[in-house]
Amino acid sequence: MSFDLLDYPWKQLEASDKYSFDCGDPDLNEFFVKDAIPHKKQLIGVTYFFIKTKIHAQ
């Protein structure tokens, strides 16, 4: 399966965001739910995710 990431909206994860995340990998799920925001606050890294809904050109 291939896809062009430019076809999908990107969003920077913020502490105020309410989301659920499940990719089937417990370690990655835990990172997004518990570690991503603290890493940003500590300047370790910024986490981005892309939303599954594809943008349709008009």
N, C-alpha and C. Protein backbone atom coordinates (compact mmCIF):
# COMPACT_ATOMS: atom_id res chain seq x y z
N MET A 1 0.84 -1.18 0.00
CA MET A 1 0.00 0.00 0.00
C MET A 1 0.89 1.24 0.00
N SER A 2 0.63 2.14 -0.92
CA SER A 2 1.38 3.39 -0.93
C SER A 2 0.40 4.55 -0.95
N PHE A 3 0.83 5.66 -0.43
CA PHE A 3 0.00 6.86 -0.43
C PHE A 3 0.91 8.07 -0.37
N ASP A 4 0.41 9.19 -0.81
CA ASP A 4 1.15 10.44 -0.80
C ASP A 4 0.74 11.22 0.45
N LEU A 5 1.68 11.45 1.35
CA LEU A 5 1.37 12.14 2.60
C LEU A 5 0.87 13.56 2.37
N LEU A 6 1.18 14.15 1.23
CA LEU A 6 0.70 15.50 0.95
C LEU A 6 -0.81 15.53 0.70
N ASP A 7 -1.41 14.37 0.47
CA ASP A 7 -2.86 14.30 0.28
C ASP A 7 -3.64 14.30 1.59
N TYR A 8 -2.96 14.26 2.71
CA TYR A 8 -3.61 14.14 4.01
C TYR A 8 -3.29 15.36 4.87
N PRO A 9 -4.26 15.83 5.67
CA PRO A 9 -3.98 16.96 6.57
C PRO A 9 -3.01 16.54 7.68
N TRP A 10 -2.11 17.43 8.03
CA TRP A 10 -1.17 17.20 9.13
C TRP A 10 -1.57 18.07 10.30
N LYS A 11 -1.37 17.57 11.50
CA LYS A 11 -1.71 18.34 12.69
C LYS A 11 -0.62 18.14 13.72
N GLN A 12 -0.17 19.26 14.29
CA GLN A 12 0.79 19.17 15.38
C GLN A 12 0.02 18.86 16.65
N LEU A 13 0.47 17.88 17.40
CA LEU A 13 -0.19 17.46 18.62
C LEU A 13 0.01 18.50 19.71
N GLU A 14 -1.09 18.95 20.31
CA GLU A 14 -1.06 19.95 21.38
C GLU A 14 -1.64 19.35 22.65
N ALA A 15 -1.25 19.89 23.79
CA ALA A 15 -1.72 19.38 25.09
C ALA A 15 -3.23 19.48 25.22
N SER A 16 -3.84 20.45 24.57
CA SER A 16 -5.29 20.64 24.68
C SER A 16 -6.09 19.71 23.77
N ASP A 17 -5.42 18.99 22.87
CA ASP A 17 -6.11 18.09 21.94
C ASP A 17 -6.72 16.91 22.68
N LYS A 18 -7.93 16.58 22.30
CA LYS A 18 -8.60 15.38 22.81
C LYS A 18 -8.62 14.38 21.67
N TYR A 19 -8.06 13.22 21.89
CA TYR A 19 -7.98 12.24 20.82
C TYR A 19 -7.88 10.84 21.40
N SER A 20 -8.20 9.89 20.59
CA SER A 20 -7.93 8.50 20.94
C SER A 20 -7.03 7.97 19.83
N PHE A 21 -6.15 7.07 20.17
CA PHE A 21 -5.18 6.58 19.21
C PHE A 21 -4.99 5.09 19.44
N ASP A 22 -5.09 4.32 18.39
CA ASP A 22 -4.81 2.90 18.46
C ASP A 22 -4.31 2.42 17.11
N CYS A 23 -3.02 2.13 17.06
CA CYS A 23 -2.44 1.65 15.80
C CYS A 23 -2.19 0.15 15.85
N GLY A 24 -2.57 -0.49 16.97
CA GLY A 24 -2.34 -1.91 17.09
C GLY A 24 -1.01 -2.25 17.77
N ASP A 25 -0.20 -1.24 18.07
CA ASP A 25 1.09 -1.44 18.73
C ASP A 25 1.01 -0.79 20.11
N PRO A 26 0.97 -1.57 21.19
CA PRO A 26 0.79 -1.00 22.53
C PRO A 26 1.85 0.03 22.91
N ASP A 27 3.10 -0.17 22.51
CA ASP A 27 4.16 0.79 22.85
C ASP A 27 3.94 2.13 22.14
N LEU A 28 3.59 2.09 20.87
CA LEU A 28 3.34 3.33 20.14
C LEU A 28 2.07 4.02 20.65
N ASN A 29 1.05 3.24 20.97
CA ASN A 29 -0.17 3.81 21.56
C ASN A 29 0.17 4.57 22.85
N GLU A 30 0.97 3.95 23.70
CA GLU A 30 1.34 4.58 24.97
C GLU A 30 2.15 5.85 24.73
N PHE A 31 3.04 5.84 23.75
CA PHE A 31 3.83 7.03 23.45
C PHE A 31 2.91 8.20 23.10
N PHE A 32 1.96 7.98 22.18
CA PHE A 32 1.07 9.06 21.78
C PHE A 32 0.22 9.56 22.94
N VAL A 33 -0.27 8.66 23.77
CA VAL A 33 -1.19 9.04 24.85
C VAL A 33 -0.46 9.64 26.05
N LYS A 34 0.72 9.10 26.40
CA LYS A 34 1.38 9.52 27.63
C LYS A 34 2.66 10.31 27.44
N ASP A 35 3.40 10.11 26.36
CA ASP A 35 4.74 10.68 26.25
C ASP A 35 4.91 11.82 25.26
N ALA A 36 4.07 11.91 24.24
CA ALA A 36 4.28 12.87 23.16
C ALA A 36 4.28 14.32 23.67
N ILE A 37 3.30 14.69 24.47
CA ILE A 37 3.22 16.07 24.96
C ILE A 37 4.36 16.40 25.93
N PRO A 38 4.69 15.54 26.91
CA PRO A 38 5.84 15.85 27.77
C PRO A 38 7.16 15.99 26.98
N HIS A 39 7.35 15.20 25.94
CA HIS A 39 8.56 15.33 25.12
C HIS A 39 8.60 16.70 24.46
N LYS A 40 7.45 17.19 24.00
CA LYS A 40 7.40 18.52 23.39
C LYS A 40 7.75 19.58 24.42
N LYS A 41 7.17 19.49 25.61
CA LYS A 41 7.43 20.48 26.66
C LYS A 41 8.90 20.49 27.08
N GLN A 42 9.56 19.33 27.03
CA GLN A 42 10.96 19.22 27.40
C GLN A 42 11.89 19.48 26.20
N LEU A 43 11.31 19.89 25.07
CA LEU A 43 12.05 20.18 23.84
C LEU A 43 12.81 18.97 23.31
N ILE A 44 12.32 17.77 23.62
CA ILE A 44 12.93 16.54 23.10
C ILE A 44 12.47 16.30 21.68
N GLY A 45 11.22 16.63 21.40
CA GLY A 45 10.70 16.41 20.05
C GLY A 45 9.27 16.89 19.94
N VAL A 46 8.83 17.08 18.72
CA VAL A 46 7.46 17.46 18.42
C VAL A 46 6.83 16.31 17.66
N THR A 47 5.64 15.90 18.04
CA THR A 47 4.96 14.79 17.39
C THR A 47 3.89 15.31 16.46
N TYR A 48 3.90 14.79 15.25
CA TYR A 48 2.87 15.10 14.26
C TYR A 48 2.16 13.80 13.91
N PHE A 49 0.92 13.92 13.49
CA PHE A 49 0.21 12.75 12.99
C PHE A 49 -0.61 13.18 11.80
N PHE A 50 -0.90 12.25 10.92
CA PHE A 50 -1.78 12.61 9.82
C PHE A 50 -3.11 11.94 10.01
N ILE A 51 -4.14 12.64 9.59
CA ILE A 51 -5.51 12.19 9.76
C ILE A 51 -5.90 11.33 8.57
N LYS A 52 -6.58 10.24 8.81
CA LYS A 52 -6.88 9.27 7.76
C LYS A 52 -7.78 9.81 6.66
N THR A 53 -8.57 10.84 6.93
CA THR A 53 -9.48 11.40 5.94
C THR A 53 -8.67 12.11 4.86
N LYS A 54 -8.85 11.71 3.63
CA LYS A 54 -8.11 12.29 2.52
C LYS A 54 -8.74 13.62 2.10
N ILE A 55 -7.89 14.60 1.76
CA ILE A 55 -8.35 15.88 1.26
C ILE A 55 -8.66 15.72 -0.22
N HIS A 56 -9.81 16.16 -0.62
CA HIS A 56 -10.19 16.08 -2.03
C HIS A 56 -9.97 17.43 -2.68
N ALA A 57 -9.23 17.45 -3.78
CA ALA A 57 -8.97 18.69 -4.52
C ALA A 57 -10.27 19.22 -5.10
N GLN A 58 -10.42 20.52 -5.07
CA GLN A 58 -11.64 21.13 -5.62
C GLN A 58 -11.32 21.91 -6.87
